[in-house]
Structure formats: structure tokens, C-alpha cells
């Protein structure tokens, strides 16, 4: 919902893209929007609030993974986490959802 909330007004149409992939035992999920991007303090992971801290804890502790943020024509968040071989083969067959 933050992608829609903060992208409103940035362009005529809000677009959120989710890509799911897997490689070498790692699942990668990319969320991308066409909004104004993240503020600098968010990119440096210096901003703390309940929602952001919750996401970081779920990714780092729950999934034993990593969260990467960047700006590239809008906000981009990439979550990477290990998965077993059965899950990787399912994820590798998943197409891009737009």
C-alpha cells in the first residue's frame, strides 16, 4: 500500500511490479513502483517506524534473508532469502506479475 500511497501524484498512473525468481538456493522477490523513490534516510536504513522495522525483522529473522532498497525510476525493494530445492524449482517457473 505504501507504493500506491507515495506514488500518487508522481505520474498519471501508479504502476507496481512484482518479480519473483530463484537461483542457487536463493529466492528473490523484487517490488518496484513508478513513484518518486525512497528518501535518502530510508535508503541508508536510518528511518525507523513500526512498519519498516516489522519488514526488516520478518526478512532478517523470519526468512533469514536480506532487504535491499534503491531508486531506479521509482522505489525498488528486493528481498532475498534461502529456500529448499523444491521451493526454488516452483519459484523458477513463476512468471513476472504486473
PDB file of N, CA and C in Angstrom:
ATOM      1  N   UNK A   1       0.813  -1.205   0.000  1.00  0.00           N
ATOM      2  CA  UNK A   1       0.000   0.000   0.000  1.00  0.00           C
ATOM      3  C   UNK A   1       0.849   1.259   0.000  1.00  0.00           C
ATOM      4  N   UNK A   2       2.059   1.208   0.571  1.00  0.00           N
ATOM      5  CA  UNK A   2       2.912   2.393   0.552  1.00  0.00           C
ATOM      6  C   UNK A   2       3.284   2.793  -0.863  1.00  0.00           C
ATOM      7  N   UNK A   3       3.469   1.821  -1.745  1.00  0.00           N
ATOM      8  CA  UNK A   3       3.799   2.144  -3.128  1.00  0.00           C
ATOM      9  C   UNK A   3       2.700   2.985  -3.749  1.00  0.00           C
ATOM     10  N   UNK A   4       1.467   2.638  -3.499  1.00  0.00           N
ATOM     11  CA  UNK A   4       0.342   3.393  -4.048  1.00  0.00           C
ATOM     12  C   UNK A   4       0.201   4.729  -3.328  1.00  0.00           C
ATOM     13  N   UNK A   5       0.345   4.718  -2.018  1.00  0.00           N
ATOM     14  CA  UNK A   5       0.203   5.941  -1.217  1.00  0.00           C
ATOM     15  C   UNK A   5       1.212   7.008  -1.633  1.00  0.00           C
ATOM     16  N   UNK A   6       2.489   6.636  -1.769  1.00  0.00           N
ATOM     17  CA  UNK A   6       3.529   7.621  -2.049  1.00  0.00           C
ATOM     18  C   UNK A   6       3.748   7.871  -3.531  1.00  0.00           C
ATOM     19  N   UNK A   7       3.291   6.995  -4.391  1.00  0.00           N
ATOM     20  CA  UNK A   7       3.448   7.204  -5.827  1.00  0.00           C
ATOM     21  C   UNK A   7       2.355   8.093  -6.397  1.00  0.00           C
ATOM     22  N   UNK A   8       1.257   8.248  -5.672  1.00  0.00           N
ATOM     23  CA  UNK A   8       0.147   9.076  -6.148  1.00  0.00           C
ATOM     24  C   UNK A   8       0.644  10.492  -6.361  1.00  0.00           C
ATOM     25  N   UNK A   9       0.333  11.040  -7.514  1.00  0.00           N
ATOM     26  CA  UNK A   9       0.756  12.389  -7.845  1.00  0.00           C
ATOM     27  C   UNK A   9       2.093  12.425  -8.562  1.00  0.00           C
ATOM     28  N   UNK A  10       2.849  11.340  -8.517  1.00  0.00           N
ATOM     29  CA  UNK A  10       4.149  11.298  -9.174  1.00  0.00           C
ATOM     30  C   UNK A  10       4.000  11.134 -10.683  1.00  0.00           C
ATOM     31  N   UNK A  11       2.952  10.485 -11.103  1.00  0.00           N
ATOM     32  CA  UNK A  11       2.689  10.312 -12.530  1.00  0.00           C
ATOM     33  C   UNK A  11       1.196  10.085 -12.700  1.00  0.00           C
ATOM     34  N   UNK A  12       0.761   9.998 -13.934  1.00  0.00           N
ATOM     35  CA  UNK A  12      -0.667   9.824 -14.193  1.00  0.00           C
ATOM     36  C   UNK A  12      -1.192   8.480 -13.703  1.00  0.00           C
ATOM     37  N   UNK A  13      -0.405   7.443 -13.840  1.00  0.00           N
ATOM     38  CA  UNK A  13      -0.853   6.101 -13.455  1.00  0.00           C
ATOM     39  C   UNK A  13       0.175   5.468 -12.526  1.00  0.00           C
ATOM     40  N   UNK A  14      -0.293   4.920 -11.428  1.00  0.00           N
ATOM     41  CA  UNK A  14       0.583   4.219 -10.496  1.00  0.00           C
ATOM     42  C   UNK A  14       0.792   2.805 -11.018  1.00  0.00           C
ATOM     43  N   UNK A  15       2.045   2.392 -11.068  1.00  0.00           N
ATOM     44  CA  UNK A  15       2.363   1.045 -11.533  1.00  0.00           C
ATOM     45  C   UNK A  15       3.235   0.366 -10.480  1.00  0.00           C
ATOM     46  N   UNK A  16       2.824  -0.804 -10.055  1.00  0.00           N
ATOM     47  CA  UNK A  16       3.591  -1.615  -9.112  1.00  0.00           C
ATOM     48  C   UNK A  16       3.877  -2.949  -9.793  1.00  0.00           C
ATOM     49  N   UNK A  17       5.148  -3.317  -9.839  1.00  0.00           N
ATOM     50  CA  UNK A  17       5.562  -4.566 -10.470  1.00  0.00           C
ATOM     51  C   UNK A  17       6.209  -5.461  -9.419  1.00  0.00           C
ATOM     52  N   UNK A  18       5.869  -6.738  -9.450  1.00  0.00           N
ATOM     53  CA  UNK A  18       6.477  -7.721  -8.551  1.00  0.00           C
ATOM     54  C   UNK A  18       7.107  -8.799  -9.423  1.00  0.00           C
ATOM     55  N   UNK A  19       8.398  -9.057  -9.190  1.00  0.00           N
ATOM     56  CA  UNK A  19       9.095 -10.124  -9.911  1.00  0.00           C
ATOM     57  C   UNK A  19       9.599 -11.132  -8.890  1.00  0.00           C
ATOM     58  N   UNK A  20       9.386 -12.399  -9.197  1.00  0.00           N
ATOM     59  CA  UNK A  20       9.814 -13.474  -8.306  1.00  0.00           C
ATOM     60  C   UNK A  20      10.724 -14.403  -9.092  1.00  0.00           C
ATOM     61  N   UNK A  21      11.855 -14.737  -8.513  1.00  0.00           N
ATOM     62  CA  UNK A  21      12.781 -15.637  -9.186  1.00  0.00           C
ATOM     63  C   UNK A  21      13.562 -16.447  -8.177  1.00  0.00           C
ATOM     64  N   UNK A  22      14.316 -17.397  -8.671  1.00  0.00           N
ATOM     65  CA  UNK A  22      15.138 -18.220  -7.802  1.00  0.00           C
ATOM     66  C   UNK A  22      16.382 -18.673  -8.525  1.00  0.00           C
ATOM     67  N   UNK A  23      17.499 -18.736  -7.772  1.00  0.00           N
ATOM     68  CA  UNK A  23      18.759 -19.158  -8.364  1.00  0.00           C
ATOM     69  C   UNK A  23      19.707 -19.596  -7.254  1.00  0.00           C
ATOM     70  N   UNK A  24      20.365 -20.721  -7.432  1.00  0.00           N
ATOM     71  CA  UNK A  24      21.368 -21.209  -6.478  1.00  0.00           C
ATOM     72  C   UNK A  24      20.860 -21.255  -5.039  1.00  0.00           C
ATOM     73  N   UNK A  25      19.627 -21.716  -4.842  1.00  0.00           N
ATOM     74  CA  UNK A  25      19.093 -21.869  -3.499  1.00  0.00           C
ATOM     75  C   UNK A  25      18.609 -20.590  -2.853  1.00  0.00           C
ATOM     76  N   UNK A  26      18.481 -19.526  -3.634  1.00  0.00           N
ATOM     77  CA  UNK A  26      18.040 -18.232  -3.110  1.00  0.00           C
ATOM     78  C   UNK A  26      16.786 -17.785  -3.857  1.00  0.00           C
ATOM     79  N   UNK A  27      15.762 -17.393  -3.112  1.00  0.00           N
ATOM     80  CA  UNK A  27      14.558 -16.804  -3.693  1.00  0.00           C
ATOM     81  C   UNK A  27      14.747 -15.294  -3.683  1.00  0.00           C
ATOM     82  N   UNK A  28      14.367 -14.652  -4.771  1.00  0.00           N
ATOM     83  CA  UNK A  28      14.465 -13.199  -4.877  1.00  0.00           C
ATOM     84  C   UNK A  28      13.098 -12.646  -5.272  1.00  0.00           C
ATOM     85  N   UNK A  29      12.617 -11.682  -4.499  1.00  0.00           N
ATOM     86  CA  UNK A  29      11.347 -11.020  -4.799  1.00  0.00           C
ATOM     87  C   UNK A  29      11.635  -9.530  -4.929  1.00  0.00           C
ATOM     88  N   UNK A  30      11.311  -8.969  -6.090  1.00  0.00           N
ATOM     89  CA  UNK A  30      11.537  -7.543  -6.338  1.00  0.00           C
ATOM     90  C   UNK A  30      10.203  -6.823  -6.448  1.00  0.00           C
ATOM     91  N   UNK A  31      10.065  -5.754  -5.681  1.00  0.00           N
ATOM     92  CA  UNK A  31       8.900  -4.875  -5.735  1.00  0.00           C
ATOM     93  C   UNK A  31       9.374  -3.554  -6.315  1.00  0.00           C
ATOM     94  N   UNK A  32       8.662  -3.044  -7.322  1.00  0.00           N
ATOM     95  CA  UNK A  32       9.083  -1.817  -7.998  1.00  0.00           C
ATOM     96  C   UNK A  32       7.853  -0.962  -8.270  1.00  0.00           C
ATOM     97  N   UNK A  33       7.988   0.360  -8.069  1.00  0.00           N
ATOM     98  CA  UNK A  33       6.905   1.260  -8.456  1.00  0.00           C
ATOM     99  C   UNK A  33       7.466   2.391  -9.308  1.00  0.00           C
ATOM    100  N   UNK A  34       6.576   3.214  -9.828  1.00  0.00           N
ATOM    101  CA  UNK A  34       6.990   4.320 -10.687  1.00  0.00           C
ATOM    102  C   UNK A  34       6.842   5.669  -9.987  1.00  0.00           C
ATOM    103  N   UNK A  35       6.907   5.655  -8.672  1.00  0.00           N
ATOM    104  CA  UNK A  35       6.760   6.881  -7.890  1.00  0.00           C
ATOM    105  C   UNK A  35       8.061   7.649  -7.770  1.00  0.00           C
ATOM    106  N   UNK A  36       8.133   8.546  -6.784  1.00  0.00           N
ATOM    107  CA  UNK A  36       9.305   9.412  -6.624  1.00  0.00           C
ATOM    108  C   UNK A  36      10.523   8.717  -6.008  1.00  0.00           C
ATOM    109  N   UNK A  37      10.382   7.500  -5.530  1.00  0.00           N
ATOM    110  CA  UNK A  37      11.505   6.790  -4.921  1.00  0.00           C
ATOM    111  C   UNK A  37      11.564   7.001  -3.424  1.00  0.00           C
ATOM    112  N   UNK A  38      12.585   6.400  -2.812  1.00  0.00           N
ATOM    113  CA  UNK A  38      12.763   6.478  -1.361  1.00  0.00           C
ATOM    114  C   UNK A  38      13.530   7.741  -0.984  1.00  0.00           C
ATOM    115  N   UNK A  39      13.207   8.332   0.163  1.00  0.00           N
ATOM    116  CA  UNK A  39      14.041   9.415   0.692  1.00  0.00           C
ATOM    117  C   UNK A  39      15.418   8.856   1.087  1.00  0.00           C
ATOM    118  N   UNK A  40      16.422   9.736   1.157  1.00  0.00           N
ATOM    119  CA  UNK A  40      17.786   9.301   1.475  1.00  0.00           C
ATOM    120  C   UNK A  40      17.893   8.557   2.798  1.00  0.00           C
ATOM    121  N   UNK A  41      17.171   9.003   3.838  1.00  0.00           N
ATOM    122  CA  UNK A  41      17.280   8.330   5.138  1.00  0.00           C
ATOM    123  C   UNK A  41      16.734   6.907   5.096  1.00  0.00           C
ATOM    124  N   UNK A  42      15.774   6.657   4.235  1.00  0.00           N
ATOM    125  CA  UNK A  42      15.257   5.291   4.067  1.00  0.00           C
ATOM    126  C   UNK A  42      16.298   4.434   3.348  1.00  0.00           C
ATOM    127  N   UNK A  43      16.921   4.980   2.302  1.00  0.00           N
ATOM    128  CA  UNK A  43      17.952   4.231   1.583  1.00  0.00           C
ATOM    129  C   UNK A  43      19.131   3.877   2.486  1.00  0.00           C
ATOM    130  N   UNK A  44      19.450   4.737   3.433  1.00  0.00           N
ATOM    131  CA  UNK A  44      20.536   4.467   4.379  1.00  0.00           C
ATOM    132  C   UNK A  44      20.064   3.600   5.540  1.00  0.00           C
ATOM    133  N   UNK A  45      18.774   3.229   5.527  1.00  0.00           N
ATOM    134  CA  UNK A  45      18.145   2.422   6.581  1.00  0.00           C
ATOM    135  C   UNK A  45      18.260   3.119   7.938  1.00  0.00           C
ATOM    136  N   UNK A  46      18.163   4.444   7.920  1.00  0.00           N
ATOM    137  CA  UNK A  46      18.228   5.232   9.151  1.00  0.00           C
ATOM    138  C   UNK A  46      16.849   5.603   9.673  1.00  0.00           C
ATOM    139  N   UNK A  47      15.828   5.435   8.865  1.00  0.00           N
ATOM    140  CA  UNK A  47      14.470   5.755   9.310  1.00  0.00           C
ATOM    141  C   UNK A  47      13.892   4.538  10.012  1.00  0.00           C
ATOM    142  N   UNK A  48      13.308   4.769  11.169  1.00  0.00           N
ATOM    143  CA  UNK A  48      12.714   3.665  11.920  1.00  0.00           C
ATOM    144  C   UNK A  48      11.273   4.002  12.271  1.00  0.00           C
ATOM    145  N   UNK A  49      10.386   3.108  11.899  1.00  0.00           N
ATOM    146  CA  UNK A  49       8.990   3.189  12.307  1.00  0.00           C
ATOM    147  C   UNK A  49       8.478   1.758  12.391  1.00  0.00           C
ATOM    148  N   UNK A  50       7.294   1.599  12.882  1.00  0.00           N
ATOM    149  CA  UNK A  50       6.764   0.255  13.130  1.00  0.00           C
ATOM    150  C   UNK A  50       6.723  -0.581  11.855  1.00  0.00           C
ATOM    151  N   UNK A  51       6.209  -0.030  10.765  1.00  0.00           N
ATOM    152  CA  UNK A  51       6.089  -0.791   9.523  1.00  0.00           C
ATOM    153  C   UNK A  51       7.429  -1.207   8.955  1.00  0.00           C
ATOM    154  N   UNK A  52       8.369  -0.262   8.892  1.00  0.00           N
ATOM    155  CA  UNK A  52       9.695  -0.538   8.341  1.00  0.00           C
ATOM    156  C   UNK A  52      10.435  -1.552   9.213  1.00  0.00           C
ATOM    157  N   UNK A  53      10.392  -1.367  10.531  1.00  0.00           N
ATOM    158  CA  UNK A  53      11.050  -2.309  11.435  1.00  0.00           C
ATOM    159  C   UNK A  53      10.427  -3.701  11.346  1.00  0.00           C
ATOM    160  N   UNK A  54       9.119  -3.778  11.154  1.00  0.00           N
ATOM    161  CA  UNK A  54       8.444  -5.065  11.007  1.00  0.00           C
ATOM    162  C   UNK A  54       8.942  -5.797   9.763  1.00  0.00           C
ATOM    163  N   UNK A  55       9.030  -5.088   8.646  1.00  0.00           N
ATOM    164  CA  UNK A  55       9.518  -5.697   7.403  1.00  0.00           C
ATOM    165  C   UNK A  55      10.946  -6.197   7.587  1.00  0.00           C
ATOM    166  N   UNK A  56      11.801  -5.378   8.175  1.00  0.00           N
ATOM    167  CA  UNK A  56      13.195  -5.776   8.386  1.00  0.00           C
ATOM    168  C   UNK A  56      13.274  -7.022   9.266  1.00  0.00           C
ATOM    169  N   UNK A  57      12.491  -7.074  10.332  1.00  0.00           N
ATOM    170  CA  UNK A  57      12.506  -8.247  11.215  1.00  0.00           C
ATOM    171  C   UNK A  57      11.985  -9.498  10.522  1.00  0.00           C
ATOM    172  N   UNK A  58      10.927  -9.372   9.744  1.00  0.00           N
ATOM    173  CA  UNK A  58      10.397 -10.534   9.017  1.00  0.00           C
ATOM    174  C   UNK A  58      11.438 -11.065   8.047  1.00  0.00           C
ATOM    175  N   UNK A  59      12.068 -10.167   7.294  1.00  0.00           N
ATOM    176  CA  UNK A  59      13.059 -10.586   6.299  1.00  0.00           C
ATOM    177  C   UNK A  59      14.303 -11.161   6.977  1.00  0.00           C
ATOM    178  N   UNK A  60      14.878 -10.423   7.924  1.00  0.00           N
ATOM    179  CA  UNK A  60      16.139 -10.848   8.545  1.00  0.00           C
ATOM    180  C   UNK A  60      15.980 -12.048   9.465  1.00  0.00           C
ATOM    181  N   UNK A  61      14.961 -12.031  10.308  1.00  0.00           N
ATOM    182  CA  UNK A  61      14.806 -13.092  11.307  1.00  0.00           C
ATOM    183  C   UNK A  61      13.919 -14.220  10.790  1.00  0.00           C
ATOM    184  N   UNK A  62      12.739 -13.876  10.288  1.00  0.00           N
ATOM    185  CA  UNK A  62      11.791 -14.894   9.843  1.00  0.00           C
ATOM    186  C   UNK A  62      12.245 -15.660   8.616  1.00  0.00           C
ATOM    187  N   UNK A  63      12.834 -14.939   7.653  1.00  0.00           N
ATOM    188  CA  UNK A  63      13.252 -15.579   6.401  1.00  0.00           C
ATOM    189  C   UNK A  63      14.755 -15.841   6.331  1.00  0.00           C
ATOM    190  N   UNK A  64      15.506 -15.338   7.314  1.00  0.00           N
ATOM    191  CA  UNK A  64      16.973 -15.418   7.282  1.00  0.00           C
ATOM    192  C   UNK A  64      17.506 -14.815   5.988  1.00  0.00           C
ATOM    193  N   UNK A  65      16.928 -13.680   5.609  1.00  0.00           N
ATOM    194  CA  UNK A  65      17.272 -13.065   4.343  1.00  0.00           C
ATOM    195  C   UNK A  65      17.775 -11.646   4.472  1.00  0.00           C
ATOM    196  N   UNK A  66      17.743 -10.942   3.346  1.00  0.00           N
ATOM    197  CA  UNK A  66      18.238  -9.571   3.266  1.00  0.00           C
ATOM    198  C   UNK A  66      17.257  -8.708   2.494  1.00  0.00           C
ATOM    199  N   UNK A  67      17.225  -7.430   2.849  1.00  0.00           N
ATOM    200  CA  UNK A  67      16.396  -6.438   2.175  1.00  0.00           C
ATOM    201  C   UNK A  67      17.314  -5.403   1.556  1.00  0.00           C
ATOM    202  N   UNK A  68      17.129  -5.124   0.273  1.00  0.00           N
ATOM    203  CA  UNK A  68      17.913  -4.121  -0.443  1.00  0.00           C
ATOM    204  C   UNK A  68      16.951  -3.083  -1.003  1.00  0.00           C
ATOM    205  N   UNK A  69      17.257  -1.816  -0.794  1.00  0.00           N
ATOM    206  CA  UNK A  69      16.431  -0.722  -1.300  1.00  0.00           C
ATOM    207  C   UNK A  69      17.261   0.137  -2.242  1.00  0.00           C
ATOM    208  N   UNK A  70      16.622   0.627  -3.308  1.00  0.00           N
ATOM    209  CA  UNK A  70      17.286   1.555  -4.223  1.00  0.00           C
ATOM    210  C   UNK A  70      16.226   2.330  -4.984  1.00  0.00           C
ATOM    211  N   UNK A  71      16.648   3.389  -5.630  1.00  0.00           N
ATOM    212  CA  UNK A  71      15.776   4.154  -6.517  1.00  0.00           C
ATOM    213  C   UNK A  71      16.204   3.885  -7.950  1.00  0.00           C
ATOM    214  N   UNK A  72      15.249   3.582  -8.797  1.00  0.00           N
ATOM    215  CA  UNK A  72      15.524   3.311 -10.210  1.00  0.00           C
ATOM    216  C   UNK A  72      14.230   3.553 -10.978  1.00  0.00           C
ATOM    217  N   UNK A  73      13.935   4.807 -11.291  1.00  0.00           N
ATOM    218  CA  UNK A  73      12.666   5.141 -11.931  1.00  0.00           C
ATOM    219  C   UNK A  73      11.499   4.981 -10.975  1.00  0.00           C
ATOM    220  N   UNK A  74      11.767   5.022  -9.691  1.00  0.00           N
ATOM    221  CA  UNK A  74      10.801   4.803  -8.621  1.00  0.00           C
ATOM    222  C   UNK A  74      11.472   4.015  -7.518  1.00  0.00           C
ATOM    223  N   UNK A  75      10.713   3.590  -6.534  1.00  0.00           N
ATOM    224  CA  UNK A  75      11.251   2.811  -5.425  1.00  0.00           C
ATOM    225  C   UNK A  75      11.375   1.344  -5.825  1.00  0.00           C
ATOM    226  N   UNK A  76      12.495   0.731  -5.447  1.00  0.00           N
ATOM    227  CA  UNK A  76      12.721  -0.693  -5.696  1.00  0.00           C
ATOM    228  C   UNK A  76      13.143  -1.336  -4.377  1.00  0.00           C
ATOM    229  N   UNK A  77      12.461  -2.401  -3.995  1.00  0.00           N
ATOM    230  CA  UNK A  77      12.828  -3.183  -2.815  1.00  0.00           C
ATOM    231  C   UNK A  77      13.040  -4.621  -3.267  1.00  0.00           C
ATOM    232  N   UNK A  78      14.162  -5.198  -2.885  1.00  0.00           N
ATOM    233  CA  UNK A  78      14.467  -6.582  -3.232  1.00  0.00           C
ATOM    234  C   UNK A  78      14.658  -7.365  -1.940  1.00  0.00           C
ATOM    235  N   UNK A  79      13.906  -8.446  -1.807  1.00  0.00           N
ATOM    236  CA  UNK A  79      14.021  -9.357  -0.668  1.00  0.00           C
ATOM    237  C   UNK A  79      14.641 -10.640  -1.189  1.00  0.00           C
ATOM    238  N   UNK A  80      15.738 -11.071  -0.544  1.00  0.00           N
ATOM    239  CA  UNK A  80      16.405 -12.321  -0.927  1.00  0.00           C
ATOM    240  C   UNK A  80      16.508 -13.204   0.307  1.00  0.00           C
ATOM    241  N   UNK A  81      16.168 -14.494   0.131  1.00  0.00           N
ATOM    242  CA  UNK A  81      16.222 -15.421   1.259  1.00  0.00           C
ATOM    243  C   UNK A  81      16.450 -16.838   0.761  1.00  0.00           C
ATOM    244  N   UNK A  82      17.058 -17.695   1.607  1.00  0.00           N
ATOM    245  CA  UNK A  82      17.315 -19.075   1.203  1.00  0.00           C
ATOM    246  C   UNK A  82      16.028 -19.893   1.169  1.00  0.00           C
ATOM    247  N   UNK A  83      16.020 -20.867   0.294  1.00  0.00           N
ATOM    248  CA  UNK A  83      14.857 -21.762   0.192  1.00  0.00           C
ATOM    249  C   UNK A  83      15.343 -23.167  -0.127  1.00  0.00           C
ATOM    250  N   UNK A  84      14.497 -24.145   0.149  1.00  0.00           N
ATOM    251  CA  UNK A  84      14.879 -25.512  -0.178  1.00  0.00           C
ATOM    252  C   UNK A  84      14.719 -25.755  -1.680  1.00  0.00           C
ATOM    253  N   UNK A  85      15.265 -26.831  -2.176  1.00  0.00           N
ATOM    254  CA  UNK A  85      15.287 -27.105  -3.611  1.00  0.00           C
ATOM    255  C   UNK A  85      13.896 -27.201  -4.215  1.00  0.00           C
ATOM    256  N   UNK A  86      12.935 -27.767  -3.489  1.00  0.00           N
ATOM    257  CA  UNK A  86      11.572 -27.903  -4.017  1.00  0.00           C
ATOM    258  C   UNK A  86      10.945 -26.537  -4.242  1.00  0.00           C
ATOM    259  N   UNK A  87      11.133 -25.641  -3.308  1.00  0.00           N
ATOM    260  CA  UNK A  87      10.573 -24.303  -3.448  1.00  0.00           C
ATOM    261  C   UNK A  87      11.251 -23.549  -4.578  1.00  0.00           C
ATOM    262  N   UNK A  88      12.568 -23.681  -4.707  1.00  0.00           N
ATOM    263  CA  UNK A  88      13.294 -22.988  -5.769  1.00  0.00           C
ATOM    264  C   UNK A  88      12.764 -23.396  -7.135  1.00  0.00           C
ATOM    265  N   UNK A  89      12.500 -24.687  -7.360  1.00  0.00           N
ATOM    266  CA  UNK A  89      12.011 -25.110  -8.667  1.00  0.00           C
ATOM    267  C   UNK A  89      10.631 -24.536  -8.956  1.00  0.00           C
ATOM    268  N   UNK A  90       9.797 -24.389  -7.928  1.00  0.00           N
ATOM    269  CA  UNK A  90       8.483 -23.769  -8.125  1.00  0.00           C
ATOM    270  C   UNK A  90       8.627 -22.290  -8.449  1.00  0.00           C
ATOM    271  N   UNK A  91       9.486 -21.596  -7.734  1.00  0.00           N
ATOM    272  CA  UNK A  91       9.668 -20.163  -7.934  1.00  0.00           C
ATOM    273  C   UNK A  91      10.274 -19.885  -9.299  1.00  0.00           C
ATOM    274  N   UNK A  92      11.196 -20.714  -9.750  1.00  0.00           N
ATOM    275  CA  UNK A  92      11.851 -20.505 -11.036  1.00  0.00           C
ATOM    276  C   UNK A  92      10.859 -20.546 -12.192  1.00  0.00           C
ATOM    277  N   UNK A  93       9.739 -21.235 -12.010  1.00  0.00           N
ATOM    278  CA  UNK A  93       8.728 -21.333 -13.054  1.00  0.00           C
ATOM    279  C   UNK A  93       7.726 -20.182 -13.011  1.00  0.00           C
ATOM    280  N   UNK A  94       7.808 -19.330 -11.990  1.00  0.00           N
ATOM    281  CA  UNK A  94       6.847 -18.244 -11.813  1.00  0.00           C
ATOM    282  C   UNK A  94       7.169 -17.101 -12.760  1.00  0.00           C
ATOM    283  N   UNK A  95       6.164 -16.623 -13.455  1.00  0.00           N
ATOM    284  CA  UNK A  95       6.350 -15.504 -14.385  1.00  0.00           C
ATOM    285  C   UNK A  95       6.244 -14.184 -13.638  1.00  0.00           C
ATOM    286  N   UNK A  96       6.665 -13.128 -14.293  1.00  0.00           N
ATOM    287  CA  UNK A  96       6.540 -11.781 -13.737  1.00  0.00           C
ATOM    288  C   UNK A  96       5.074 -11.418 -13.610  1.00  0.00           C
ATOM    289  N   UNK A  97       4.721 -10.838 -12.481  1.00  0.00           N
ATOM    290  CA  UNK A  97       3.351 -10.394 -12.231  1.00  0.00           C
ATOM    291  C   UNK A  97       3.330  -8.881 -12.327  1.00  0.00           C
ATOM    292  N   UNK A  98       2.466  -8.338 -13.165  1.00  0.00           N
ATOM    293  CA  UNK A  98       2.360  -6.878 -13.286  1.00  0.00           C
ATOM    294  C   UNK A  98       0.927  -6.459 -13.147  1.00  0.00           C
TER     295      UNK A  98
END
